[in-house]
Amino acid sequence: MKHHVLTVLLATIFGTAGAQSLEGTWQLTDEKTCFKSELSESDTEKELLQDMGGSRNAVARIIRFNKKGGGEESIFSTGRKRGNELSEFKYKLSGRDLMLLDKKSGMMTQQFVVDEFTSSTLKIHNAKKDCEIKTFIKIK
């Protein structure tokens, strides 16, 4: 009887954790390409990158996922209400696989593997290239 109660409790905990939804607005905070991950920066390069950080035309890459399996990705510039380069898609999350699908044909255009998924953080990498990593934070 004790084992049965424990099993039900664990199933409830894991079932609730797995029921998280991608629904919402996510902002890209870090992106590593294969080229970047292969090179290590010197101390001088790190200092120069910090000094170059301030820019008037700050941009943010945003991705939105909705309840019905649709989404859009866009780039926002400072002072603008609408994003540029808007691309719409459908998505499917199956286990650790996140597939982005063409909105009209339904064909898969990109496939990612979910490395970390919490209520505030989404970390994915390209299914074909482990070294291409994107980290998002939930903003809405």
Protein backbone atom coordinates (compact mmCIF):
# COMPACT_ATOMS: atom_id res chain seq x y z
CA MET A 1 0.00 0.00 0.00
CA LYS A 2 2.84 2.40 0.85
CA HIS A 3 4.47 1.73 -2.52
CA HIS A 4 1.19 2.41 -4.32
CA VAL A 5 0.73 5.80 -2.60
CA LEU A 6 4.36 6.72 -3.33
CA THR A 7 3.95 5.75 -7.00
CA VAL A 8 0.81 7.85 -7.37
CA LEU A 9 2.49 10.81 -5.65
CA LEU A 10 5.56 10.62 -7.89
CA ALA A 11 3.41 10.27 -11.01
CA THR A 12 1.44 13.37 -10.00
CA ILE A 13 4.61 15.40 -9.41
CA PHE A 14 6.22 14.38 -12.72
CA GLY A 15 2.93 14.77 -14.59
CA THR A 16 2.52 18.33 -13.33
CA ALA A 17 6.13 19.22 -14.17
CA GLY A 18 5.77 17.78 -17.66
CA ALA A 19 2.57 19.72 -18.28
CA GLN A 20 4.42 23.01 -18.69
CA SER A 21 3.55 24.89 -21.80
CA LEU A 22 5.69 26.88 -24.20
CA GLU A 23 2.80 29.31 -24.49
CA GLY A 24 3.94 32.90 -24.01
CA THR A 25 6.55 35.39 -25.15
CA TRP A 26 10.24 34.50 -24.88
CA GLN A 27 13.26 36.76 -25.44
CA LEU A 28 16.57 35.46 -26.71
CA THR A 29 19.26 36.25 -24.13
CA ASP A 30 22.19 34.16 -25.37
CA GLU A 31 23.04 32.49 -28.66
CA LYS A 32 26.13 30.41 -29.31
CA THR A 33 27.06 29.31 -32.80
CA CYS A 34 29.42 26.45 -33.60
CA PHE A 35 32.07 28.99 -34.57
CA LYS A 36 31.78 30.85 -31.24
CA SER A 37 31.83 27.70 -29.15
CA GLU A 38 35.06 26.47 -30.81
CA LEU A 39 37.01 29.66 -30.10
CA SER A 40 38.05 30.82 -26.69
CA GLU A 41 38.30 34.57 -26.08
CA SER A 42 41.44 36.15 -24.71
CA ASP A 43 41.24 38.52 -21.73
CA THR A 44 41.75 41.49 -24.06
CA GLU A 45 38.86 40.39 -26.28
CA LYS A 46 36.59 40.01 -23.26
CA GLU A 47 37.43 43.56 -22.10
CA LEU A 48 36.83 45.00 -25.58
CA LEU A 49 33.46 43.22 -25.88
CA GLN A 50 32.33 44.73 -22.57
CA ASP A 51 33.32 48.22 -23.74
CA MET A 52 31.45 47.76 -27.03
CA GLY A 53 28.26 46.66 -25.26
CA GLY A 54 26.47 50.04 -25.21
CA SER A 55 24.55 50.71 -28.40
CA ARG A 56 21.85 53.19 -29.34
CA ASN A 57 20.02 50.73 -31.53
CA ALA A 58 19.50 47.90 -29.08
CA VAL A 59 17.54 45.01 -30.52
CA ALA A 60 15.69 42.10 -29.01
CA ARG A 61 14.76 38.82 -30.68
CA ILE A 62 11.36 37.67 -29.52
CA ILE A 63 9.56 34.39 -30.13
CA ARG A 64 5.90 33.85 -29.24
CA PHE A 65 4.15 30.52 -28.85
CA ASN A 66 0.33 30.38 -28.65
CA LYS A 67 -2.09 27.73 -27.34
CA LYS A 68 -3.10 26.45 -30.75
CA GLY A 69 0.39 25.38 -31.87
CA GLY A 70 1.22 28.57 -33.74
CA GLY A 71 3.93 31.11 -33.20
CA GLU A 72 5.92 34.00 -34.57
CA GLU A 73 9.46 35.27 -34.35
CA SER A 74 10.48 38.89 -34.77
CA ILE A 75 13.20 41.41 -34.04
CA PHE A 76 12.37 44.54 -32.05
CA SER A 77 14.41 47.74 -32.13
CA THR A 78 14.44 50.35 -29.36
CA GLY A 79 11.56 52.79 -29.66
CA ARG A 80 9.45 50.69 -32.04
CA LYS A 81 6.15 49.06 -31.14
CA ARG A 82 6.24 46.49 -33.92
CA GLY A 83 8.90 43.97 -34.72
CA ASN A 84 10.77 43.63 -37.99
CA GLU A 85 11.37 40.46 -39.98
CA LEU A 86 8.23 38.80 -38.64
CA SER A 87 8.07 35.11 -39.47
CA GLU A 88 5.08 32.96 -38.56
CA PHE A 89 5.21 29.22 -38.00
CA LYS A 90 3.52 26.27 -36.35
CA TYR A 91 5.27 24.26 -33.67
CA LYS A 92 5.11 20.86 -32.10
CA LEU A 93 6.67 19.89 -28.78
CA SER A 94 7.10 16.16 -28.36
CA GLY A 95 9.12 15.10 -25.35
CA ARG A 96 12.43 16.92 -25.72
CA ASP A 97 11.95 17.62 -29.45
CA LEU A 98 10.77 21.06 -30.54
CA MET A 99 9.87 21.19 -34.22
CA LEU A 100 9.14 24.41 -36.09
CA LEU A 101 6.82 23.81 -39.04
CA ASP A 102 5.99 25.86 -42.12
CA LYS A 103 2.66 27.56 -41.48
CA LYS A 104 1.10 26.66 -44.85
CA SER A 105 2.55 23.27 -45.76
CA GLY A 106 3.14 21.90 -42.26
CA MET A 107 6.62 20.70 -43.26
CA MET A 108 9.32 20.80 -40.60
CA THR A 109 11.73 23.70 -41.18
CA GLN A 110 13.83 23.44 -38.00
CA GLN A 111 14.29 20.89 -35.25
CA PHE A 112 15.64 21.63 -31.79
CA VAL A 113 16.33 19.60 -28.66
CA VAL A 114 15.15 21.11 -25.37
CA ASP A 115 18.02 21.12 -22.87
CA GLU A 116 16.31 23.08 -20.10
CA PHE A 117 12.69 24.11 -19.71
CA THR A 118 11.37 25.89 -16.63
CA SER A 119 8.64 28.45 -16.10
CA SER A 120 11.16 31.23 -16.83
CA THR A 121 13.95 29.68 -18.95
CA LEU A 122 14.10 27.81 -22.25
CA LYS A 123 17.43 26.47 -23.49
CA ILE A 124 17.53 24.62 -26.82
CA HIS A 125 20.11 23.42 -29.30
CA ASN A 126 19.88 22.57 -32.98
CA ALA A 127 19.16 18.85 -33.39
CA LYS A 128 21.80 18.56 -36.13
CA LYS A 129 24.43 20.75 -34.47
CA ASP A 130 24.89 20.35 -30.71
CA CYS A 131 27.11 23.44 -30.65
CA GLU A 132 24.33 25.84 -31.72
CA ILE A 133 22.65 26.78 -28.43
CA LYS A 134 19.93 29.37 -27.78
CA THR A 135 18.77 30.54 -24.37
CA PHE A 136 15.48 32.38 -23.85
CA ILE A 137 13.80 33.95 -20.84
CA LYS A 138 10.02 34.25 -20.53
CA ILE A 139 8.86 37.85 -20.55
CA LYS A 140 5.06 37.34 -20.78
